C-alpha atoms as a PDB file:
ATOM      1  CA  MET A   1      17.907  11.803   9.191  1.00  0.00           C
ATOM      2  CA  SER A   2      18.454  12.253  12.777  1.00  0.00           C
ATOM      3  CA  GLU A   3      15.723  11.334  15.485  1.00  0.00           C
ATOM      4  CA  ALA A   4      15.418  15.245  16.168  1.00  0.00           C
ATOM      5  CA  ASP A   5      15.028  15.923  12.421  1.00  0.00           C
ATOM      6  CA  PHE A   6      12.241  13.169  12.115  1.00  0.00           C
ATOM      7  CA  ARG A   7      10.259  14.250  14.976  1.00  0.00           C
ATOM      8  CA  ALA A   8      10.219  17.882  13.620  1.00  0.00           C
ATOM      9  CA  LEU A   9       8.762  16.507  10.431  1.00  0.00           C
ATOM     10  CA  TYR A  10       6.500  14.370  12.138  1.00  0.00           C
ATOM     11  CA  ARG A  11       5.062  17.335  14.045  1.00  0.00           C
ATOM     12  CA  SER A  12       4.874  19.458  10.838  1.00  0.00           C
ATOM     13  CA  LEU A  13       2.823  16.764   9.012  1.00  0.00           C
ATOM     14  CA  ARG A  14       0.683  15.986  11.871  1.00  0.00           C
ATOM     15  CA  GLU A  15      -0.391  19.604  11.865  1.00  0.00           C
ATOM     16  CA  HIS A  16      -0.865  19.570   8.113  1.00  0.00           C
ATOM     17  CA  ALA A  17      -3.387  16.454   8.598  1.00  0.00           C
ATOM     18  CA  HIS A  18      -5.459  18.421  11.001  1.00  0.00           C
ATOM     19  CA  ARG A  19      -8.277  19.407   8.676  1.00  0.00           C
ATOM     20  CA  PRO A  20     -12.076  19.303   9.131  1.00  0.00           C
ATOM     21  CA  GLY A  21     -13.400  15.761   8.609  1.00  0.00           C
ATOM     22  CA  ALA A  22     -10.204  14.194   9.013  1.00  0.00           C
ATOM     23  CA  ALA A  23     -10.562  12.449  12.322  1.00  0.00           C
ATOM     24  CA  ARG A  24     -11.928   9.167  11.086  1.00  0.00           C
ATOM     25  CA  HIS A  25     -11.072   9.013   7.447  1.00  0.00           C
ATOM     26  CA  GLY A  26      -7.761  10.708   7.395  1.00  0.00           C
ATOM     27  CA  ALA A  27      -6.258  11.500   4.065  1.00  0.00           C
ATOM     28  CA  LEU A  28      -9.270   9.824   2.252  1.00  0.00           C
ATOM     29  CA  GLY A  29     -11.156  12.988   3.050  1.00  0.00           C
ATOM     30  CA  GLU A  30      -9.162  14.412  -0.106  1.00  0.00           C
ATOM     31  CA  LEU A  31     -11.132  12.045  -2.284  1.00  0.00           C
ATOM     32  CA  THR A  32     -14.091  13.800  -2.884  1.00  0.00           C
ATOM     33  CA  PRO A  33     -17.139  12.470  -5.017  1.00  0.00           C
ATOM     34  CA  GLU A  34     -16.169  15.040  -7.612  1.00  0.00           C
ATOM     35  CA  ARG A  35     -12.614  13.651  -7.907  1.00  0.00           C
ATOM     36  CA  VAL A  36     -14.026  10.005  -8.212  1.00  0.00           C
ATOM     37  CA  LEU A  37     -16.324  11.049 -11.106  1.00  0.00           C
ATOM     38  CA  ALA A  38     -13.200  12.663 -12.592  1.00  0.00           C
ATOM     39  CA  ALA A  39     -11.169   9.625 -12.275  1.00  0.00           C
ATOM     40  CA  VAL A  40     -14.025   7.426 -13.925  1.00  0.00           C
ATOM     41  CA  SER A  41     -14.314   9.908 -16.749  1.00  0.00           C
ATOM     42  CA  GLY A  42     -10.563   9.417 -17.497  1.00  0.00           C
ATOM     43  CA  VAL A  43     -11.115   5.750 -18.524  1.00  0.00           C
ATOM     44  CA  ARG A  44     -10.285   5.185 -22.243  1.00  0.00           C
ATOM     45  CA  TYR A  45      -9.795   1.684 -23.070  1.00  0.00           C
ATOM     46  CA  GLY A  46     -11.547  -0.317 -20.495  1.00  0.00           C
ATOM     47  CA  ARG A  47      -8.467  -2.663 -19.766  1.00  0.00           C
ATOM     48  CA  THR A  48      -8.368  -3.792 -16.064  1.00  0.00           C
ATOM     49  CA  VAL A  49      -4.951  -4.752 -14.678  1.00  0.00           C
ATOM     50  CA  SER A  50      -4.504  -6.089 -10.936  1.00  0.00           C
ATOM     51  CA  MET A  51      -1.845  -4.672  -8.821  1.00  0.00           C
ATOM     52  CA  ALA A  52      -1.740  -7.623  -6.382  1.00  0.00           C
ATOM     53  CA  ALA A  53       0.553 -10.256  -5.973  1.00  0.00           C
ATOM     54  CA  PRO A  54      -0.597 -13.988  -5.875  1.00  0.00           C
ATOM     55  CA  ILE A  55      -1.032 -14.868  -2.203  1.00  0.00           C
ATOM     56  CA  GLU A  56       2.089 -17.362  -1.190  1.00  0.00           C
ATOM     57  CA  THR A  57       1.537 -20.492   1.026  1.00  0.00           C
ATOM     58  CA  GLY A  58       4.924 -21.476   0.922  1.00  0.00           C
ATOM     59  CA  SER A  59       7.617 -20.366   3.303  1.00  0.00           C
ATOM     60  CA  GLY A  60      10.620 -18.334   2.444  1.00  0.00           C
ATOM     61  CA  PRO A  61      13.200 -15.693   3.700  1.00  0.00           C
ATOM     62  CA  ASP A  62      10.706 -12.971   3.413  1.00  0.00           C
ATOM     63  CA  ASN A  63       7.617 -15.104   4.416  1.00  0.00           C
ATOM     64  CA  PRO A  64       8.341 -17.096   7.617  1.00  0.00           C
ATOM     65  CA  GLN A  65       4.667 -17.288   8.371  1.00  0.00           C
ATOM     66  CA  PRO A  66       2.818 -17.834   5.073  1.00  0.00           C
ATOM     67  CA  ALA A  67      -0.799 -17.837   4.274  1.00  0.00           C
ATOM     68  CA  SER A  68      -2.433 -21.164   4.808  1.00  0.00           C
ATOM     69  CA  HIS A  69      -4.947 -22.643   2.389  1.00  0.00           C
ATOM     70  CA  GLU A  70      -6.628 -26.116   3.108  1.00  0.00           C
ATOM     71  CA  MET A  71      -9.481 -27.868   1.266  1.00  0.00           C
ATOM     72  CA  THR A  72     -11.904 -28.723   3.916  1.00  0.00           C
ATOM     73  CA  ALA A  73     -14.056 -30.574   1.475  1.00  0.00           C
ATOM     74  CA  ALA A  74     -12.603 -32.282  -1.727  1.00  0.00           C
ATOM     75  CA  VAL A  75     -14.076 -34.774  -4.125  1.00  0.00           C
ATOM     76  CA  ASP A  76     -13.288 -38.269  -3.397  1.00  0.00           C
ATOM     77  CA  PRO A  77     -11.828 -39.987  -6.435  1.00  0.00           C
ATOM     78  CA  ASP A  78     -13.585 -43.270  -5.627  1.00  0.00           C
ATOM     79  CA  ASP A  79     -16.983 -41.424  -5.387  1.00  0.00           C
ATOM     80  CA  ALA A  80     -18.477 -41.776  -8.852  1.00  0.00           C
ATOM     81  CA  GLY A  81     -21.946 -41.080  -7.553  1.00  0.00           C
ATOM     82  CA  GLU A  82     -24.347 -38.704  -9.511  1.00  0.00           C
ATOM     83  CA  GLY A  83     -25.674 -35.477  -7.777  1.00  0.00           C
ATOM     84  CA  VAL A  84     -24.425 -32.396  -6.273  1.00  0.00           C
ATOM     85  CA  ARG A  85     -20.877 -32.094  -4.333  1.00  0.00           C
ATOM     86  CA  PHE A  86     -19.319 -28.872  -2.999  1.00  0.00           C
ATOM     87  CA  LEU A  87     -15.760 -28.241  -2.742  1.00  0.00           C
ATOM     88  CA  ARG A  88     -14.867 -26.127   0.101  1.00  0.00           C
ATOM     89  CA  ASP A  89     -11.796 -24.595   1.686  1.00  0.00           C
ATOM     90  CA  ARG A  90     -10.204 -22.394   4.491  1.00  0.00           C
ATOM     91  CA  PHE A  91      -7.733 -19.473   4.243  1.00  0.00           C
ATOM     92  CA  ALA A  92      -5.685 -17.870   6.866  1.00  0.00           C
ATOM     93  CA  MET A  93      -3.113 -15.001   6.601  1.00  0.00           C
ATOM     94  CA  ASN A  94      -0.544 -13.021   8.505  1.00  0.00           C
ATOM     95  CA  VAL A  95      -1.773  -9.563   6.999  1.00  0.00           C
ATOM     96  CA  HIS A  96       1.191  -7.310   7.680  1.00  0.00           C
ATOM     97  CA  GLY A  97       3.990  -9.673   6.408  1.00  0.00           C
ATOM     98  CA  ASP A  98       6.795  -8.859   3.715  1.00  0.00           C
ATOM     99  CA  ALA A  99       5.318 -10.923   0.946  1.00  0.00           C
ATOM    100  CA  ASP A 100       1.649 -10.683   0.345  1.00  0.00           C
ATOM    101  CA  SER A 101      -0.325  -7.506  -0.942  1.00  0.00           C
ATOM    102  CA  HIS A 102      -2.185  -5.754   1.855  1.00  0.00           C
ATOM    103  CA  LEU A 103      -3.613  -2.507   2.930  1.00  0.00           C
ATOM    104  CA  ASP A 104      -2.726  -0.918   6.403  1.00  0.00           C
ATOM    105  CA  ALA A 105      -5.740   0.503   8.372  1.00  0.00           C
ATOM    106  CA  LEU A 106      -5.186   3.814  10.365  1.00  0.00           C
ATOM    107  CA  CYS A 107      -4.964   1.767  13.652  1.00  0.00           C
ATOM    108  CA  HIS A 108      -1.886  -0.259  12.320  1.00  0.00           C
ATOM    109  CA  VAL A 109       0.843   2.187  13.613  1.00  0.00           C
ATOM    110  CA  VAL A 110       1.293   3.308  17.062  1.00  0.00           C
ATOM    111  CA  PHE A 111       3.779   6.127  17.767  1.00  0.00           C
ATOM    112  CA  ASP A 112       4.661   7.420  21.217  1.00  0.00           C
ATOM    113  CA  GLY A 113       1.391   5.612  22.705  1.00  0.00           C
ATOM    114  CA  LYS A 114      -1.053   7.170  20.091  1.00  0.00           C
ATOM    115  CA  LEU A 115      -2.628   6.655  16.953  1.00  0.00           C
ATOM    116  CA  PHE A 116      -3.553   8.923  14.233  1.00  0.00           C
ATOM    117  CA  GLY A 117      -5.200  12.100  15.389  1.00  0.00           C
ATOM    118  CA  GLY A 118      -3.707  11.475  18.861  1.00  0.00           C
ATOM    119  CA  VAL A 119      -6.371   8.381  19.580  1.00  0.00           C
ATOM    120  CA  PRO A 120      -4.901   6.413  22.463  1.00  0.00           C
ATOM    121  CA  ALA A 121      -3.702   3.060  21.244  1.00  0.00           C
ATOM    122  CA  SER A 122      -5.153   1.301  24.390  1.00  0.00           C
ATOM    123  CA  GLY A 123      -8.551   0.596  22.832  1.00  0.00           C
ATOM    124  CA  ALA A 124      -6.967  -2.478  20.963  1.00  0.00           C
ATOM    125  CA  THR A 125      -7.622  -5.764  22.619  1.00  0.00           C
ATOM    126  CA  PRO A 126      -6.953  -9.427  21.737  1.00  0.00           C
ATOM    127  CA  ASP A 127     -10.379  -9.190  20.293  1.00  0.00           C
ATOM    128  CA  GLY A 128      -9.772  -6.441  17.842  1.00  0.00           C
ATOM    129  CA  ALA A 129      -8.947  -2.743  17.458  1.00  0.00           C
ATOM    130  CA  ALA A 130     -11.722  -0.181  18.690  1.00  0.00           C
ATOM    131  CA  ASP A 131     -10.637   2.724  16.687  1.00  0.00           C
ATOM    132  CA  LEU A 132      -9.399   3.791  13.164  1.00  0.00           C
ATOM    133  CA  THR A 133      -9.966   0.214  11.845  1.00  0.00           C
ATOM    134  CA  LEU A 134     -10.897  -0.876   8.319  1.00  0.00           C
ATOM    135  CA  ASP A 135     -14.517   0.021   8.920  1.00  0.00           C
ATOM    136  CA  PRO A 136     -14.310   3.629   7.151  1.00  0.00           C
ATOM    137  CA  VAL A 137     -13.206   1.870   3.860  1.00  0.00           C
ATOM    138  CA  ARG A 138     -15.948  -0.507   3.925  1.00  0.00           C
ATOM    139  CA  ASN A 139     -17.335   1.015   0.694  1.00  0.00           C
ATOM    140  CA  GLY A 140     -13.892   0.498  -0.955  1.00  0.00           C
ATOM    141  CA  ILE A 141     -11.587   3.214  -2.327  1.00  0.00           C
ATOM    142  CA  VAL A 142     -11.882   4.690  -5.788  1.00  0.00           C
ATOM    143  CA  GLY A 143     -10.052   7.435  -7.323  1.00  0.00           C
ATOM    144  CA  ARG A 144      -7.405   8.520  -9.864  1.00  0.00           C
ATOM    145  CA  GLY A 145      -4.213   6.480  -9.629  1.00  0.00           C
ATOM    146  CA  VAL A 146      -0.722   7.586 -10.694  1.00  0.00           C
ATOM    147  CA  LEU A 147       2.070   5.192 -10.944  1.00  0.00           C
ATOM    148  CA  LEU A 148       5.696   6.740 -10.678  1.00  0.00           C
ATOM    149  CA  ASP A 149       8.217   4.363 -11.880  1.00  0.00           C
ATOM    150  CA  ILE A 150      11.607   5.114 -10.208  1.00  0.00           C
ATOM    151  CA  PRO A 151      13.715   2.154 -11.788  1.00  0.00           C
ATOM    152  CA  ARG A 152      12.483   3.285 -15.234  1.00  0.00           C
ATOM    153  CA  LEU A 153      13.638   6.859 -14.325  1.00  0.00           C
ATOM    154  CA  ARG A 154      16.983   5.856 -13.296  1.00  0.00           C
ATOM    155  CA  GLY A 155      17.365   3.432 -16.089  1.00  0.00           C
ATOM    156  CA  THR A 156      17.707   0.129 -13.960  1.00  0.00           C
ATOM    157  CA  PRO A 157      15.512  -2.857 -13.459  1.00  0.00           C
ATOM    158  CA  TRP A 158      15.013  -2.304  -9.944  1.00  0.00           C
ATOM    159  CA  LEU A 159      16.518  -0.190  -6.895  1.00  0.00           C
ATOM    160  CA  ALA A 160      18.947  -2.096  -4.747  1.00  0.00           C
ATOM    161  CA  PRO A 161      17.734  -2.872  -1.105  1.00  0.00           C
ATOM    162  CA  GLY A 162      18.720  -0.093   1.319  1.00  0.00           C
ATOM    163  CA  GLU A 163      18.145   2.876  -1.442  1.00  0.00           C
ATOM    164  CA  HIS A 164      15.890   5.514  -0.770  1.00  0.00           C
ATOM    165  CA  VAL A 165      13.210   7.197  -3.230  1.00  0.00           C
ATOM    166  CA  THR A 166      13.570  10.935  -2.667  1.00  0.00           C
ATOM    167  CA  ALA A 167      11.077  13.592  -3.351  1.00  0.00           C
ATOM    168  CA  GLY A 168      13.480  14.668  -6.032  1.00  0.00           C
ATOM    169  CA  ASP A 169      12.897  11.304  -7.686  1.00  0.00           C
ATOM    170  CA  LEU A 170       9.071  11.817  -7.502  1.00  0.00           C
ATOM    171  CA  THR A 171       9.142  15.218  -9.293  1.00  0.00           C
ATOM    172  CA  ALA A 172      11.624  13.758 -11.818  1.00  0.00           C
ATOM    173  CA  ALA A 173       9.604  10.833 -12.588  1.00  0.00           C
ATOM    174  CA  GLU A 174       6.495  13.205 -13.036  1.00  0.00           C
ATOM    175  CA  THR A 175       8.245  15.173 -15.691  1.00  0.00           C
ATOM    176  CA  ALA A 176       9.785  12.148 -17.363  1.00  0.00           C
ATOM    177  CA  GLN A 177       6.238  10.399 -17.425  1.00  0.00           C
ATOM    178  CA  ASP A 178       4.378  13.492 -18.157  1.00  0.00           C
ATOM    179  CA  VAL A 179       1.996  13.348 -15.278  1.00  0.00           C
ATOM    180  CA  THR A 180       1.431  15.275 -12.153  1.00  0.00           C
ATOM    181  CA  VAL A 181       0.295  13.767  -8.916  1.00  0.00           C
ATOM    182  CA  GLY A 182      -2.725  15.877  -7.533  1.00  0.00           C
ATOM    183  CA  GLN A 183      -5.023  16.213  -4.610  1.00  0.00           C
ATOM    184  CA  GLY A 184      -6.886  13.183  -3.660  1.00  0.00           C
ATOM    185  CA  ASP A 185      -4.627  10.763  -6.045  1.00  0.00           C
ATOM    186  CA  LEU A 186      -3.816   7.322  -5.140  1.00  0.00           C
ATOM    187  CA  LEU A 187      -0.007   7.451  -5.763  1.00  0.00           C
ATOM    188  CA  PHE A 188       1.846   4.091  -6.417  1.00  0.00           C
ATOM    189  CA  VAL A 189       5.620   4.089  -6.390  1.00  0.00           C
ATOM    190  CA  ARG A 190       7.286   1.414  -8.249  1.00  0.00           C
ATOM    191  CA  VAL A 191      10.861   0.491  -6.790  1.00  0.00           C
ATOM    192  CA  GLY A 192      11.284  -2.838  -8.668  1.00  0.00           C
ATOM    193  CA  HIS A 193      10.845  -5.138  -5.576  1.00  0.00           C
ATOM    194  CA  ARG A 194       8.551  -7.683  -7.171  1.00  0.00           C
ATOM    195  CA  HIS A 195      10.826  -7.823 -10.337  1.00  0.00           C
ATOM    196  CA  ARG A 196      13.984  -8.235  -8.521  1.00  0.00           C
ATOM    197  CA  ARG A 197      12.327 -11.189  -6.423  1.00  0.00           C
ATOM    198  CA  ARG A 198      11.188 -12.964  -9.535  1.00  0.00           C
ATOM    199  CA  VAL A 199      14.673 -12.748 -11.056  1.00  0.00           C
ATOM    200  CA  GLN A 200      16.914 -13.428  -8.015  1.00  0.00           C
ATOM    201  CA  GLY A 201      14.517 -15.068  -5.793  1.00  0.00           C
ATOM    202  CA  PRO A 202      13.260 -13.814  -2.251  1.00  0.00           C
ATOM    203  CA  TRP A 203      15.575 -12.515   0.407  1.00  0.00           C
ATOM    204  CA  ASN A 204      14.942 -11.458   3.973  1.00  0.00           C
ATOM    205  CA  ALA A 205      13.091  -8.040   3.170  1.00  0.00           C
ATOM    206  CA  ALA A 206      12.597  -7.347   6.751  1.00  0.00           C
ATOM    207  CA  GLN A 207      16.388  -6.579   6.968  1.00  0.00           C
ATOM    208  CA  GLU A 208      17.104  -5.281   3.359  1.00  0.00           C
ATOM    209  CA  ARG A 209      14.540  -3.542   1.241  1.00  0.00           C
ATOM    210  CA  VAL A 210      13.976  -0.065  -0.784  1.00  0.00           C
ATOM    211  CA  GLY A 211      11.323   2.483   0.189  1.00  0.00           C
ATOM    212  CA  LEU A 212      10.787   6.102   0.246  1.00  0.00           C
ATOM    213  CA  HIS A 213      13.006   8.493   2.395  1.00  0.00           C
ATOM    214  CA  PRO A 214      11.110   9.926   5.263  1.00  0.00           C
ATOM    215  CA  SER A 215      11.607  13.649   3.804  1.00  0.00           C
ATOM    216  CA  ALA A 216       9.655  12.459   0.501  1.00  0.00           C
ATOM    217  CA  MET A 217       6.455  12.535   2.796  1.00  0.00           C
ATOM    218  CA  ARG A 218       6.519  16.276   2.346  1.00  0.00           C
ATOM    219  CA  PHE A 219       5.684  15.893  -1.082  1.00  0.00           C
ATOM    220  CA  LEU A 220       2.934  13.615  -0.520  1.00  0.00           C
ATOM    221  CA  ALA A 221       1.520  16.068   2.078  1.00  0.00           C
ATOM    222  CA  GLU A 222       1.867  19.114  -0.233  1.00  0.00           C
ATOM    223  CA  ARG A 223       0.156  17.309  -2.940  1.00  0.00           C
ATOM    224  CA  ARG A 224      -2.460  16.254  -0.524  1.00  0.00           C
ATOM    225  CA  VAL A 225      -2.474  12.598  -1.743  1.00  0.00           C
ATOM    226  CA  ALA A 226      -5.139  10.250  -0.416  1.00  0.00           C
ATOM    227  CA  VAL A 227      -3.396   6.779  -0.499  1.00  0.00           C
ATOM    228  CA  LEU A 228       0.206   5.622  -1.022  1.00  0.00           C
ATOM    229  CA  GLY A 229       1.091   2.146  -2.116  1.00  0.00           C
ATOM    230  CA  SER A 230       4.258   0.435  -3.364  1.00  0.00           C
ATOM    231  CA  ASP A 231       5.572  -2.965  -4.622  1.00  0.00           C
ATOM    232  CA  GLY A 232       7.868  -2.828  -1.531  1.00  0.00           C
ATOM    233  CA  ASN A 233       7.103  -2.005   2.006  1.00  0.00           C
ATOM    234  CA  ASN A 234       7.136   1.874   1.358  1.00  0.00           C
ATOM    235  CA  ASP A 235       9.806   1.819   4.114  1.00  0.00           C
ATOM    236  CA  SER A 236      13.691   1.090   3.473  1.00  0.00           C
ATOM    237  CA  ALA A 237      15.613  -1.154   5.600  1.00  0.00           C
ATOM    238  CA  PRO A 238      17.833  -0.467   7.458  1.00  0.00           C
ATOM    239  CA  SER A 239      15.818   2.526   8.469  1.00  0.00           C
ATOM    240  CA  ALA A 240      16.809   5.922   7.374  1.00  0.00           C
ATOM    241  CA  VAL A 241      16.073   6.906  11.020  1.00  0.00           C
ATOM    242  CA  ALA A 242      18.289   4.956  13.242  1.00  0.00           C
ATOM    243  CA  GLU A 243      16.175   5.331  16.315  1.00  0.00           C
ATOM    244  CA  VAL A 244      12.984   5.076  14.556  1.00  0.00           C
ATOM    245  CA  PRO A 245      11.786   1.800  12.495  1.00  0.00           C
ATOM    246  CA  PHE A 246       9.394   2.098   9.747  1.00  0.00           C
ATOM    247  CA  PRO A 247       9.469   5.989   9.698  1.00  0.00           C
ATOM    248  CA  VAL A 248       7.464   6.343   6.594  1.00  0.00           C
ATOM    249  CA  HIS A 249       4.791   4.187   8.016  1.00  0.00           C
ATOM    250  CA  VAL A 250       4.803   6.452  10.999  1.00  0.00           C
ATOM    251  CA  LEU A 251       4.653   9.720   8.967  1.00  0.00           C
ATOM    252  CA  ALA A 252       2.058   8.477   6.544  1.00  0.00           C
ATOM    253  CA  VAL A 253      -0.349   6.488   8.832  1.00  0.00           C
ATOM    254  CA  ASN A 254       0.173   8.154  12.142  1.00  0.00           C
ATOM    255  CA  ALA A 255       0.703  11.596  11.162  1.00  0.00           C
ATOM    256  CA  LEU A 256      -1.096  12.147   7.855  1.00  0.00           C
ATOM    257  CA  GLY A 257      -3.835   9.623   8.242  1.00  0.00           C
ATOM    258  CA  MET A 258      -2.851   7.973   4.978  1.00  0.00           C
ATOM    259  CA  HIS A 259      -3.829   4.424   4.229  1.00  0.00           C
ATOM    260  CA  LEU A 260      -0.747   2.538   2.923  1.00  0.00           C
ATOM    261  CA  MET A 261      -0.612  -0.482   0.513  1.00  0.00           C
ATOM    262  CA  ASP A 262       2.624  -2.591   0.797  1.00  0.00           C
ATOM    263  CA  TYR A 263       3.938  -5.401  -1.424  1.00  0.00           C
ATOM    264  CA  LEU A 264       1.729  -4.723  -4.438  1.00  0.00           C
ATOM    265  CA  ASP A 265       2.770  -5.943  -8.069  1.00  0.00           C
ATOM    266  CA  PHE A 266       3.187  -3.310 -10.724  1.00  0.00           C
ATOM    267  CA  GLU A 267       5.093  -5.008 -13.317  1.00  0.00           C
ATOM    268  CA  ALA A 268       1.758  -5.768 -15.587  1.00  0.00           C
ATOM    269  CA  LEU A 269       0.435  -2.274 -14.906  1.00  0.00           C
ATOM    270  CA  ALA A 270       4.005  -0.513 -15.636  1.00  0.00           C
ATOM    271  CA  SER A 271       4.091  -2.320 -19.127  1.00  0.00           C
ATOM    272  CA  ALA A 272       0.523  -1.275 -19.840  1.00  0.00           C
ATOM    273  CA  CYS A 273       1.137   2.494 -18.762  1.00  0.00           C
ATOM    274  CA  GLY A 274       4.521   2.467 -20.834  1.00  0.00           C
ATOM    275  CA  GLU A 275       2.699   1.024 -23.852  1.00  0.00           C
ATOM    276  CA  GLN A 276       0.066   3.763 -23.796  1.00  0.00           C
ATOM    277  CA  ALA A 277       2.389   6.423 -22.585  1.00  0.00           C
ATOM    278  CA  ARG A 278      -0.276   7.398 -20.038  1.00  0.00           C
ATOM    279  CA  TRP A 279       0.589   6.773 -16.217  1.00  0.00           C
ATOM    280  CA  HIS A 280      -2.761   7.594 -14.652  1.00  0.00           C
ATOM    281  CA  PHE A 281      -5.899   5.537 -14.415  1.00  0.00           C
ATOM    282  CA  LEU A 282      -8.984   4.677 -12.400  1.00  0.00           C
ATOM    283  CA  CYS A 283      -8.196   2.811  -9.360  1.00  0.00           C
ATOM    284  CA  VAL A 284     -10.521   0.648  -7.366  1.00  0.00           C
ATOM    285  CA  VAL A 285      -9.514  -0.915  -3.990  1.00  0.00           C
ATOM    286  CA  ALA A 286     -11.796  -3.215  -2.091  1.00  0.00           C
ATOM    287  CA  PRO A 287     -10.586  -4.222   1.290  1.00  0.00           C
ATOM    288  CA  LEU A 288     -12.360  -7.169   3.067  1.00  0.00           C
ATOM    289  CA  ARG A 289     -15.227  -6.414   5.494  1.00  0.00           C
ATOM    290  CA  LEU A 290     -13.203  -6.993   8.762  1.00  0.00           C
ATOM    291  CA  PRO A 291     -14.565  -4.128  10.997  1.00  0.00           C
ATOM    292  CA  ASP A 292     -12.108  -4.599  13.774  1.00  0.00           C
ATOM    293  CA  ALA A 293      -9.044  -5.428  12.110  1.00  0.00           C
ATOM    294  CA  THR A 294      -5.838  -3.397  11.240  1.00  0.00           C
ATOM    295  CA  GLY A 295      -5.345  -4.479   7.687  1.00  0.00           C
ATOM    296  CA  SER A 296      -6.635  -6.575   4.975  1.00  0.00           C
ATOM    297  CA  PRO A 297      -5.326  -8.633   2.021  1.00  0.00           C
ATOM    298  CA  VAL A 298      -6.009  -6.544  -1.135  1.00  0.00           C
ATOM    299  CA  ASN A 299      -6.316  -6.522  -4.955  1.00  0.00           C
ATOM    300  CA  PRO A 300      -6.519  -3.187  -6.197  1.00  0.00           C
ATOM    301  CA  ILE A 301      -7.504  -2.950  -9.781  1.00  0.00           C
ATOM    302  CA  ALA A 302      -6.314  -0.239 -12.451  1.00  0.00           C
ATOM    303  CA  VAL A 303      -8.965   0.381 -15.195  1.00  0.00           C
ATOM    304  CA  LEU A 304      -7.190   2.140 -18.152  1.00  0.00           C
END
């Protein structure tokens, strides 16, 4: 896609996002209480499945700055004394890396000096972001999740790095899986990133990865999707727009006001959905309470 075509698409999607009440919550405004209740009523089996990968503390080609976990108080093996002891630990994480599951706040993506809704990016300081932070999702995100399995559609274990998921893939997956993405849905697009990583080992995902083609964002805008998540980064690398890195992040977060979840893990969920021939479920997302942050580690739960 040329930069001119990308910018035309960006302007079109930004206009689409200008709806009453969208200034602070963005696309989450599509997730009404009625849609939450409908999602809850769709639970059949009471089975819960995590969509997060285990947080990694070891470095690798896709994780040069791994999370750190240290015990700040452990049991002394020579201390056999009676009474109460406490084990304590500390955790730190590079939230927006290429290995761990995380959610992007609406302040995460700056384009042409602005955040979603034209908010100036200058409000962010070393002490934290001032606008469009995680605070609007402090009560969680709950709604109907839909998983579209693109490798299943194409008859392959995973998509190769550098490939793109198109709008045609999304509509074909709907037909193949007998499910329709609707207003207020949390859309999850499986590309097989996690499966490939487990089979072949990690690689430099910053340079080579699968994601959506920018033009596929029209599908999400037309269906009025509330949240987008992937087992990859949502963006392909190299970028489909040579002059614009992370075009899907720009279109989703900055133009549409859509929270993204990157590097989730759909392997257990895809198996469960395939067994039940049912590709929609109640989804519960609970980010950490980090009021000034640009993102959070996240563990979305599917309830089938």
